[in-house]
């Protein structure tokens, strides 16, 4: 599993002409004692608008890294991908932003919600969070409401994640 750097910065090089300048900005930060890993990204939608391919993002990033002698971490993000679009990014990305927006709000069947809550009883009740003064008191109804709204999106993210692995 990829271990990410503590700090990263997403950099979008829409037309594959700015990777070197973006990496130079990261070098300037490093010279000031701030280490960030650039994460070059371009979404499937952006590729379709300008007629580029995911390989072009990796190529531009590799050229910038080689040209500037960058020795620190960097990544290429398959940005806003889903199960229908992930394949074209797999050979050219090591970072994945999974987009499940279309699944948010799709009503999760009641039996799926109930099964989820039965498997995760720790979500109901008083939950203490470090550095938060008061514990959160969460009712079963609140967990049901949130699961109904978001559980299908979470499951889809898991499906895409497992596919990537």
N, C-alpha and C. Protein backbone atom coordinates (compact mmCIF):
# COMPACT_ATOMS: atom_id res chain seq x y z
N UNK A 1 0.84 -1.18 0.00
CA UNK A 1 0.00 0.00 0.00
C UNK A 1 0.89 1.24 0.00
N UNK A 2 0.51 2.20 -0.80
CA UNK A 2 1.23 3.46 -0.91
C UNK A 2 1.13 4.25 0.39
N UNK A 3 2.27 4.70 0.89
CA UNK A 3 2.29 5.55 2.08
C UNK A 3 2.43 6.99 1.59
N UNK A 4 1.41 7.78 1.91
CA UNK A 4 1.41 9.17 1.45
C UNK A 4 2.25 10.06 2.35
N UNK A 5 2.77 11.09 1.76
CA UNK A 5 3.51 12.09 2.50
C UNK A 5 2.57 12.83 3.45
N UNK A 6 3.13 13.49 4.45
CA UNK A 6 2.29 14.20 5.41
C UNK A 6 1.50 15.31 4.74
N UNK A 7 2.13 16.05 3.84
CA UNK A 7 1.46 17.16 3.16
C UNK A 7 1.54 16.96 1.65
N UNK A 8 0.45 17.26 0.99
CA UNK A 8 0.43 17.22 -0.47
C UNK A 8 -0.34 18.43 -0.97
N UNK A 9 -0.17 18.70 -2.24
CA UNK A 9 -0.91 19.79 -2.87
C UNK A 9 -1.38 19.31 -4.24
N UNK A 10 -2.66 19.44 -4.47
CA UNK A 10 -3.21 19.07 -5.77
C UNK A 10 -2.88 20.13 -6.79
N UNK A 11 -2.31 19.71 -7.90
CA UNK A 11 -1.98 20.64 -8.97
C UNK A 11 -2.60 20.15 -10.27
N UNK A 12 -3.39 21.00 -10.87
CA UNK A 12 -4.05 20.66 -12.12
C UNK A 12 -3.33 21.32 -13.28
N UNK A 13 -2.80 20.51 -14.14
CA UNK A 13 -2.09 21.01 -15.32
C UNK A 13 -2.98 20.70 -16.52
N UNK A 14 -4.00 21.51 -16.71
CA UNK A 14 -5.04 21.21 -17.69
C UNK A 14 -4.53 20.91 -19.09
N UNK A 15 -3.55 21.66 -19.55
CA UNK A 15 -3.10 21.51 -20.93
C UNK A 15 -1.68 20.95 -21.03
N UNK A 16 -1.19 20.36 -19.93
CA UNK A 16 0.12 19.69 -19.89
C UNK A 16 1.27 20.63 -20.27
N UNK A 17 1.20 21.88 -19.78
CA UNK A 17 2.28 22.83 -20.04
C UNK A 17 2.86 23.43 -18.76
N UNK A 18 2.28 23.13 -17.61
CA UNK A 18 2.66 23.83 -16.39
C UNK A 18 3.31 22.94 -15.32
N UNK A 19 3.51 21.68 -15.60
CA UNK A 19 4.02 20.77 -14.57
C UNK A 19 5.36 21.23 -14.00
N UNK A 20 6.24 21.71 -14.85
CA UNK A 20 7.55 22.14 -14.38
C UNK A 20 7.42 23.37 -13.47
N UNK A 21 6.59 24.33 -13.85
CA UNK A 21 6.39 25.52 -13.02
C UNK A 21 5.73 25.15 -11.70
N UNK A 22 4.79 24.21 -11.74
CA UNK A 22 4.14 23.78 -10.51
C UNK A 22 5.13 23.09 -9.58
N UNK A 23 5.97 22.24 -10.15
CA UNK A 23 6.97 21.57 -9.33
C UNK A 23 8.00 22.57 -8.80
N UNK A 24 8.32 23.57 -9.59
CA UNK A 24 9.24 24.61 -9.11
C UNK A 24 8.66 25.31 -7.88
N UNK A 25 7.35 25.52 -7.85
CA UNK A 25 6.72 26.11 -6.67
C UNK A 25 6.90 25.20 -5.45
N UNK A 26 6.83 23.90 -5.67
CA UNK A 26 7.06 22.96 -4.56
C UNK A 26 8.51 23.02 -4.10
N UNK A 27 9.43 23.21 -5.04
CA UNK A 27 10.84 23.36 -4.67
C UNK A 27 11.06 24.63 -3.85
N UNK A 28 10.39 25.71 -4.22
CA UNK A 28 10.51 26.96 -3.46
C UNK A 28 9.99 26.77 -2.04
N UNK A 29 8.90 26.03 -1.90
CA UNK A 29 8.39 25.72 -0.56
C UNK A 29 9.42 24.91 0.23
N UNK A 30 10.00 23.91 -0.43
CA UNK A 30 11.00 23.07 0.23
C UNK A 30 12.19 23.91 0.69
N UNK A 31 12.58 24.88 -0.12
CA UNK A 31 13.68 25.77 0.27
C UNK A 31 13.35 26.58 1.52
N UNK A 32 12.06 26.77 1.79
CA UNK A 32 11.60 27.48 2.98
C UNK A 32 11.30 26.52 4.14
N UNK A 33 11.60 25.22 3.93
CA UNK A 33 11.40 24.24 4.99
C UNK A 33 10.04 23.58 5.00
N UNK A 34 9.27 23.76 3.94
CA UNK A 34 7.93 23.17 3.86
C UNK A 34 7.96 22.10 2.76
N UNK A 35 7.82 20.84 3.18
CA UNK A 35 7.85 19.75 2.20
C UNK A 35 6.43 19.34 1.83
N UNK A 36 6.10 19.49 0.56
CA UNK A 36 4.81 19.05 0.05
C UNK A 36 5.04 18.17 -1.16
N UNK A 37 4.18 17.20 -1.32
CA UNK A 37 4.23 16.33 -2.50
C UNK A 37 3.20 16.83 -3.50
N UNK A 38 3.63 17.18 -4.71
CA UNK A 38 2.65 17.57 -5.71
C UNK A 38 1.85 16.35 -6.18
N UNK A 39 0.57 16.56 -6.36
CA UNK A 39 -0.31 15.52 -6.88
C UNK A 39 -0.97 16.08 -8.13
N UNK A 40 -0.44 15.70 -9.28
CA UNK A 40 -1.01 16.19 -10.54
C UNK A 40 -2.32 15.48 -10.79
N UNK A 41 -3.33 16.25 -11.19
CA UNK A 41 -4.65 15.66 -11.39
C UNK A 41 -5.33 16.23 -12.62
N UNK A 42 -6.12 15.39 -13.24
CA UNK A 42 -7.01 15.81 -14.32
C UNK A 42 -8.13 14.78 -14.36
N UNK A 43 -9.34 15.27 -14.31
CA UNK A 43 -10.49 14.37 -14.24
C UNK A 43 -10.81 13.77 -15.61
N UNK A 44 -11.59 12.71 -15.59
CA UNK A 44 -12.06 12.10 -16.82
C UNK A 44 -12.80 13.14 -17.66
N UNK A 45 -13.61 13.95 -17.01
CA UNK A 45 -14.38 14.99 -17.70
C UNK A 45 -13.43 15.99 -18.38
N UNK A 46 -12.38 16.40 -17.66
CA UNK A 46 -11.42 17.33 -18.25
C UNK A 46 -10.69 16.71 -19.44
N UNK A 47 -10.33 15.44 -19.32
CA UNK A 47 -9.70 14.77 -20.46
C UNK A 47 -10.63 14.79 -21.66
N UNK A 48 -11.91 14.53 -21.43
CA UNK A 48 -12.86 14.50 -22.55
C UNK A 48 -13.04 15.88 -23.18
N UNK A 49 -12.98 16.95 -22.38
CA UNK A 49 -13.13 18.31 -22.91
C UNK A 49 -11.98 18.71 -23.82
N UNK A 50 -10.76 18.35 -23.43
CA UNK A 50 -9.61 18.84 -24.20
C UNK A 50 -8.97 17.76 -25.08
N UNK A 51 -9.50 16.54 -25.02
CA UNK A 51 -9.02 15.48 -25.89
C UNK A 51 -7.70 14.87 -25.48
N UNK A 52 -7.39 14.92 -24.20
CA UNK A 52 -6.14 14.32 -23.72
C UNK A 52 -6.41 12.94 -23.12
N UNK A 53 -5.36 12.27 -22.75
CA UNK A 53 -5.44 10.95 -22.15
C UNK A 53 -4.71 10.97 -20.80
N UNK A 54 -5.07 10.06 -19.89
CA UNK A 54 -4.40 10.02 -18.58
C UNK A 54 -2.88 9.89 -18.66
N UNK A 55 -2.38 9.22 -19.68
CA UNK A 55 -0.93 9.06 -19.81
C UNK A 55 -0.23 10.41 -19.94
N UNK A 56 -0.91 11.41 -20.50
CA UNK A 56 -0.28 12.72 -20.69
C UNK A 56 0.03 13.40 -19.36
N UNK A 57 -0.77 13.14 -18.35
CA UNK A 57 -0.52 13.73 -17.03
C UNK A 57 0.73 13.10 -16.42
N UNK A 58 0.81 11.78 -16.50
CA UNK A 58 1.99 11.08 -15.99
C UNK A 58 3.24 11.52 -16.75
N UNK A 59 3.14 11.63 -18.07
CA UNK A 59 4.29 12.04 -18.87
C UNK A 59 4.78 13.43 -18.47
N UNK A 60 3.86 14.37 -18.33
CA UNK A 60 4.24 15.74 -17.96
C UNK A 60 4.87 15.77 -16.57
N UNK A 61 4.31 15.01 -15.64
CA UNK A 61 4.86 14.96 -14.28
C UNK A 61 6.26 14.35 -14.28
N UNK A 62 6.43 13.24 -14.99
CA UNK A 62 7.74 12.60 -15.05
C UNK A 62 8.79 13.53 -15.67
N UNK A 63 8.41 14.26 -16.71
CA UNK A 63 9.35 15.20 -17.35
C UNK A 63 9.75 16.30 -16.38
N UNK A 64 8.78 16.83 -15.63
CA UNK A 64 9.08 17.89 -14.66
C UNK A 64 10.01 17.37 -13.57
N UNK A 65 9.71 16.20 -13.04
CA UNK A 65 10.51 15.60 -11.97
C UNK A 65 11.94 15.36 -12.45
N UNK A 66 12.08 14.83 -13.64
CA UNK A 66 13.40 14.56 -14.20
C UNK A 66 14.16 15.86 -14.48
N UNK A 67 13.49 16.79 -15.10
CA UNK A 67 14.11 18.06 -15.48
C UNK A 67 14.61 18.85 -14.28
N UNK A 68 13.84 18.85 -13.20
CA UNK A 68 14.20 19.63 -12.01
C UNK A 68 14.95 18.82 -10.96
N UNK A 69 15.15 17.52 -11.21
CA UNK A 69 15.87 16.69 -10.25
C UNK A 69 15.15 16.51 -8.93
N UNK A 70 13.84 16.49 -8.95
CA UNK A 70 13.02 16.36 -7.73
C UNK A 70 13.23 14.97 -7.14
N UNK A 71 13.61 14.92 -5.88
CA UNK A 71 13.89 13.64 -5.21
C UNK A 71 12.81 13.26 -4.21
N UNK A 72 11.84 14.13 -4.00
CA UNK A 72 10.80 13.88 -2.99
C UNK A 72 9.57 13.25 -3.64
N UNK A 73 8.58 13.01 -2.81
CA UNK A 73 7.38 12.35 -3.29
C UNK A 73 6.57 13.19 -4.26
N UNK A 74 5.87 12.51 -5.13
CA UNK A 74 4.93 13.12 -6.07
C UNK A 74 3.98 12.03 -6.54
N UNK A 75 2.83 12.45 -7.03
CA UNK A 75 1.81 11.48 -7.44
C UNK A 75 1.03 12.00 -8.63
N UNK A 76 0.33 11.07 -9.27
CA UNK A 76 -0.61 11.41 -10.34
C UNK A 76 -1.96 10.84 -9.95
N UNK A 77 -2.93 11.73 -9.88
CA UNK A 77 -4.27 11.41 -9.39
C UNK A 77 -5.21 11.09 -10.55
N UNK A 78 -5.89 9.97 -10.43
CA UNK A 78 -7.03 9.67 -11.29
C UNK A 78 -8.20 10.39 -10.64
N UNK A 79 -8.47 11.58 -11.11
CA UNK A 79 -9.36 12.51 -10.41
C UNK A 79 -10.82 12.31 -10.80
N UNK A 80 -11.66 12.23 -9.80
CA UNK A 80 -13.11 12.09 -9.98
C UNK A 80 -13.47 10.89 -10.84
N UNK A 81 -12.93 9.74 -10.47
CA UNK A 81 -13.21 8.53 -11.25
C UNK A 81 -14.27 7.69 -10.54
N UNK A 82 -14.90 6.85 -11.33
CA UNK A 82 -15.85 5.87 -10.83
C UNK A 82 -15.57 4.55 -11.50
N UNK A 83 -16.40 3.58 -11.23
CA UNK A 83 -16.18 2.24 -11.76
C UNK A 83 -16.19 2.23 -13.29
N UNK A 84 -16.94 3.14 -13.91
CA UNK A 84 -17.03 3.18 -15.37
C UNK A 84 -15.83 3.86 -16.02
N UNK A 85 -15.07 4.63 -15.26
CA UNK A 85 -13.97 5.40 -15.87
C UNK A 85 -12.58 5.05 -15.33
N UNK A 86 -12.49 4.19 -14.35
CA UNK A 86 -11.21 3.94 -13.68
C UNK A 86 -10.19 3.22 -14.56
N UNK A 87 -10.63 2.34 -15.44
CA UNK A 87 -9.69 1.49 -16.18
C UNK A 87 -8.64 2.28 -16.96
N UNK A 88 -9.05 3.36 -17.61
CA UNK A 88 -8.09 4.09 -18.44
C UNK A 88 -7.03 4.81 -17.60
N UNK A 89 -7.28 4.96 -16.30
CA UNK A 89 -6.34 5.64 -15.41
C UNK A 89 -5.37 4.68 -14.71
N UNK A 90 -5.74 3.43 -14.58
CA UNK A 90 -4.95 2.50 -13.76
C UNK A 90 -3.47 2.44 -14.12
N UNK A 91 -3.09 2.37 -15.39
CA UNK A 91 -1.65 2.28 -15.69
C UNK A 91 -0.88 3.58 -15.45
N UNK A 92 -1.59 4.69 -15.26
CA UNK A 92 -0.93 6.00 -15.24
C UNK A 92 -1.12 6.78 -13.95
N UNK A 93 -1.69 6.16 -12.93
CA UNK A 93 -2.00 6.88 -11.69
C UNK A 93 -1.60 6.04 -10.49
N UNK A 94 -1.23 6.74 -9.41
CA UNK A 94 -0.95 6.05 -8.14
C UNK A 94 -1.73 6.69 -7.00
N UNK A 95 -2.71 7.49 -7.34
CA UNK A 95 -3.52 8.24 -6.39
C UNK A 95 -4.90 8.32 -7.02
N UNK A 96 -5.94 8.07 -6.25
CA UNK A 96 -7.28 7.97 -6.84
C UNK A 96 -8.29 8.76 -6.02
N UNK A 97 -8.95 9.70 -6.68
CA UNK A 97 -10.05 10.43 -6.06
C UNK A 97 -11.34 9.82 -6.60
N UNK A 98 -11.99 9.04 -5.77
CA UNK A 98 -13.19 8.31 -6.17
C UNK A 98 -14.39 9.23 -6.02
N UNK A 99 -15.14 9.38 -7.10
CA UNK A 99 -16.30 10.27 -7.12
C UNK A 99 -17.58 9.44 -7.02
N UNK A 100 -18.27 9.60 -5.91
CA UNK A 100 -19.53 8.86 -5.70
C UNK A 100 -20.72 9.81 -5.56
N UNK A 101 -20.56 11.03 -6.07
CA UNK A 101 -21.62 12.04 -5.92
C UNK A 101 -22.96 11.55 -6.46
N UNK A 102 -22.94 10.79 -7.55
CA UNK A 102 -24.20 10.31 -8.13
C UNK A 102 -24.94 9.34 -7.22
N UNK A 103 -24.26 8.79 -6.23
CA UNK A 103 -24.88 7.82 -5.33
C UNK A 103 -25.40 8.46 -4.05
N UNK A 104 -24.97 9.67 -3.77
CA UNK A 104 -25.44 10.36 -2.56
C UNK A 104 -26.90 10.72 -2.75
N UNK A 105 -27.70 10.36 -1.78
CA UNK A 105 -29.12 10.66 -1.85
C UNK A 105 -29.96 9.58 -2.50
N UNK A 106 -29.30 8.60 -3.15
CA UNK A 106 -30.08 7.47 -3.64
C UNK A 106 -30.54 6.70 -2.41
N UNK A 107 -31.81 6.50 -2.32
CA UNK A 107 -32.35 5.91 -1.10
C UNK A 107 -31.87 4.47 -0.92
N UNK A 108 -31.27 4.25 0.22
CA UNK A 108 -30.79 2.92 0.59
C UNK A 108 -31.97 2.12 1.11
N UNK A 109 -32.16 0.89 0.63
CA UNK A 109 -33.27 0.07 1.14
C UNK A 109 -33.20 -0.08 2.66
N UNK A 110 -34.37 -0.06 3.29
CA UNK A 110 -34.46 -0.12 4.75
C UNK A 110 -33.74 -1.33 5.33
N UNK A 111 -33.85 -2.48 4.67
CA UNK A 111 -33.20 -3.68 5.20
C UNK A 111 -31.68 -3.56 5.14
N UNK A 112 -31.15 -2.85 4.15
CA UNK A 112 -29.71 -2.62 4.06
C UNK A 112 -29.25 -1.71 5.18
N UNK A 113 -30.03 -0.67 5.46
CA UNK A 113 -29.72 0.25 6.55
C UNK A 113 -29.73 -0.49 7.88
N UNK A 114 -30.77 -1.28 8.11
CA UNK A 114 -30.88 -2.02 9.38
C UNK A 114 -29.75 -3.01 9.55
N UNK A 115 -29.39 -3.70 8.48
CA UNK A 115 -28.27 -4.65 8.54
C UNK A 115 -26.97 -3.92 8.89
N UNK A 116 -26.77 -2.75 8.30
CA UNK A 116 -25.58 -1.94 8.58
C UNK A 116 -25.54 -1.55 10.05
N UNK A 117 -26.66 -1.07 10.58
CA UNK A 117 -26.70 -0.63 11.98
C UNK A 117 -26.49 -1.81 12.93
N UNK A 118 -27.02 -2.96 12.58
CA UNK A 118 -26.81 -4.15 13.41
C UNK A 118 -25.33 -4.53 13.46
N UNK A 119 -24.62 -4.35 12.35
CA UNK A 119 -23.19 -4.66 12.30
C UNK A 119 -22.34 -3.59 12.97
N UNK A 120 -22.91 -2.40 13.17
CA UNK A 120 -22.14 -1.28 13.74
C UNK A 120 -22.89 -0.61 14.88
N UNK A 121 -23.13 -1.34 15.96
CA UNK A 121 -23.85 -0.75 17.09
C UNK A 121 -23.06 0.38 17.77
N UNK A 122 -21.76 0.42 17.53
CA UNK A 122 -20.92 1.46 18.14
C UNK A 122 -21.27 2.86 17.63
N UNK A 123 -22.03 2.94 16.55
CA UNK A 123 -22.40 4.25 16.01
C UNK A 123 -23.54 4.91 16.78
N UNK A 124 -24.25 4.11 17.56
CA UNK A 124 -25.40 4.63 18.32
C UNK A 124 -24.97 4.84 19.77
N UNK A 125 -25.32 6.00 20.31
CA UNK A 125 -25.02 6.27 21.71
C UNK A 125 -24.10 7.45 21.87
N UNK A 126 -23.40 7.47 22.97
CA UNK A 126 -22.50 8.57 23.30
C UNK A 126 -21.11 8.26 22.76
N UNK A 127 -20.59 9.18 21.96
CA UNK A 127 -19.28 8.98 21.33
C UNK A 127 -18.37 10.12 21.74
N UNK A 128 -17.26 9.78 22.40
CA UNK A 128 -16.28 10.79 22.81
C UNK A 128 -15.24 10.94 21.71
N UNK A 129 -14.94 12.18 21.37
CA UNK A 129 -13.95 12.48 20.36
C UNK A 129 -12.85 13.31 21.00
N UNK A 130 -11.62 12.88 20.78
CA UNK A 130 -10.48 13.59 21.36
C UNK A 130 -10.53 15.07 20.99
N UNK A 131 -10.25 15.91 21.96
CA UNK A 131 -10.21 17.37 21.81
C UNK A 131 -11.58 18.01 21.57
N UNK A 132 -12.65 17.25 21.73
CA UNK A 132 -14.01 17.81 21.68
C UNK A 132 -14.55 17.74 23.10
N UNK A 133 -14.97 18.88 23.63
CA UNK A 133 -15.34 18.97 25.04
C UNK A 133 -16.47 18.04 25.44
N UNK A 134 -17.52 18.00 24.67
CA UNK A 134 -18.69 17.20 25.02
C UNK A 134 -18.79 15.99 24.10
N UNK A 135 -19.19 14.84 24.63
CA UNK A 135 -19.41 13.69 23.75
C UNK A 135 -20.62 13.94 22.84
N UNK A 136 -20.63 13.27 21.72
CA UNK A 136 -21.77 13.34 20.82
C UNK A 136 -22.77 12.27 21.22
N UNK A 137 -24.02 12.65 21.33
CA UNK A 137 -25.08 11.68 21.62
C UNK A 137 -25.84 11.45 20.33
N UNK A 138 -25.68 10.25 19.78
CA UNK A 138 -26.24 9.94 18.48
C UNK A 138 -27.31 8.86 18.63
N UNK A 139 -28.49 9.18 18.15
CA UNK A 139 -29.62 8.25 18.25
C UNK A 139 -29.60 7.26 17.08
N UNK A 140 -30.29 6.17 17.27
CA UNK A 140 -30.45 5.18 16.21
C UNK A 140 -31.13 5.82 15.00
N UNK A 141 -32.08 6.70 15.25
CA UNK A 141 -32.79 7.38 14.16
C UNK A 141 -31.85 8.25 13.33
N UNK A 142 -30.90 8.91 14.01
CA UNK A 142 -29.93 9.74 13.30
C UNK A 142 -29.02 8.88 12.43
N UNK A 143 -28.58 7.75 12.95
CA UNK A 143 -27.75 6.84 12.16
C UNK A 143 -28.55 6.33 10.97
N UNK A 144 -29.81 6.00 11.17
CA UNK A 144 -30.66 5.55 10.06
C UNK A 144 -30.77 6.64 8.99
N UNK A 145 -31.00 7.87 9.42
CA UNK A 145 -31.16 8.98 8.48
C UNK A 145 -29.89 9.17 7.63
N UNK A 146 -28.74 9.16 8.28
CA UNK A 146 -27.48 9.36 7.57
C UNK A 146 -27.19 8.16 6.66
N UNK A 147 -27.40 6.96 7.15
CA UNK A 147 -27.15 5.77 6.34
C UNK A 147 -28.07 5.74 5.12
N UNK A 148 -29.30 6.12 5.31
CA UNK A 148 -30.25 6.15 4.20
C UNK A 148 -29.75 7.08 3.09
N UNK A 149 -29.13 8.17 3.48
CA UNK A 149 -28.64 9.19 2.54
C UNK A 149 -27.30 8.82 1.89
N UNK A 150 -26.41 8.18 2.65
CA UNK A 150 -25.01 8.04 2.20
C UNK A 150 -24.50 6.61 2.07
N UNK A 151 -25.19 5.62 2.57
CA UNK A 151 -24.64 4.26 2.59
C UNK A 151 -24.35 3.72 1.20
N UNK A 152 -25.21 3.97 0.23
CA UNK A 152 -24.93 3.48 -1.13
C UNK A 152 -23.68 4.13 -1.71
N UNK A 153 -23.47 5.40 -1.40
CA UNK A 153 -22.26 6.08 -1.88
C UNK A 153 -21.01 5.47 -1.24
N UNK A 154 -21.09 5.19 0.04
CA UNK A 154 -19.95 4.58 0.74
C UNK A 154 -19.66 3.20 0.17
N UNK A 155 -20.71 2.44 -0.09
CA UNK A 155 -20.52 1.10 -0.68
C UNK A 155 -19.89 1.19 -2.06
N UNK A 156 -20.33 2.16 -2.86
CA UNK A 156 -19.75 2.32 -4.19
C UNK A 156 -18.28 2.70 -4.10
N UNK A 157 -17.93 3.57 -3.18
CA UNK A 157 -16.51 3.91 -2.98
C UNK A 157 -15.72 2.65 -2.65
N UNK A 158 -16.27 1.80 -1.81
CA UNK A 158 -15.61 0.54 -1.47
C UNK A 158 -15.46 -0.36 -2.67
N UNK A 159 -16.48 -0.42 -3.52
CA UNK A 159 -16.41 -1.24 -4.73
C UNK A 159 -15.30 -0.77 -5.65
N UNK A 160 -15.21 0.54 -5.86
CA UNK A 160 -14.17 1.09 -6.73
C UNK A 160 -12.79 0.86 -6.10
N UNK A 161 -12.67 1.08 -4.81
CA UNK A 161 -11.40 0.85 -4.10
C UNK A 161 -10.93 -0.59 -4.29
N UNK A 162 -11.82 -1.54 -4.06
CA UNK A 162 -11.43 -2.95 -4.20
C UNK A 162 -11.07 -3.28 -5.65
N UNK A 163 -11.73 -2.66 -6.60
CA UNK A 163 -11.41 -2.87 -8.01
C UNK A 163 -10.00 -2.37 -8.32
N UNK A 164 -9.67 -1.20 -7.78
CA UNK A 164 -8.34 -0.63 -8.00
C UNK A 164 -7.25 -1.55 -7.45
N UNK A 165 -7.50 -2.11 -6.26
CA UNK A 165 -6.50 -3.00 -5.66
C UNK A 165 -6.29 -4.22 -6.52
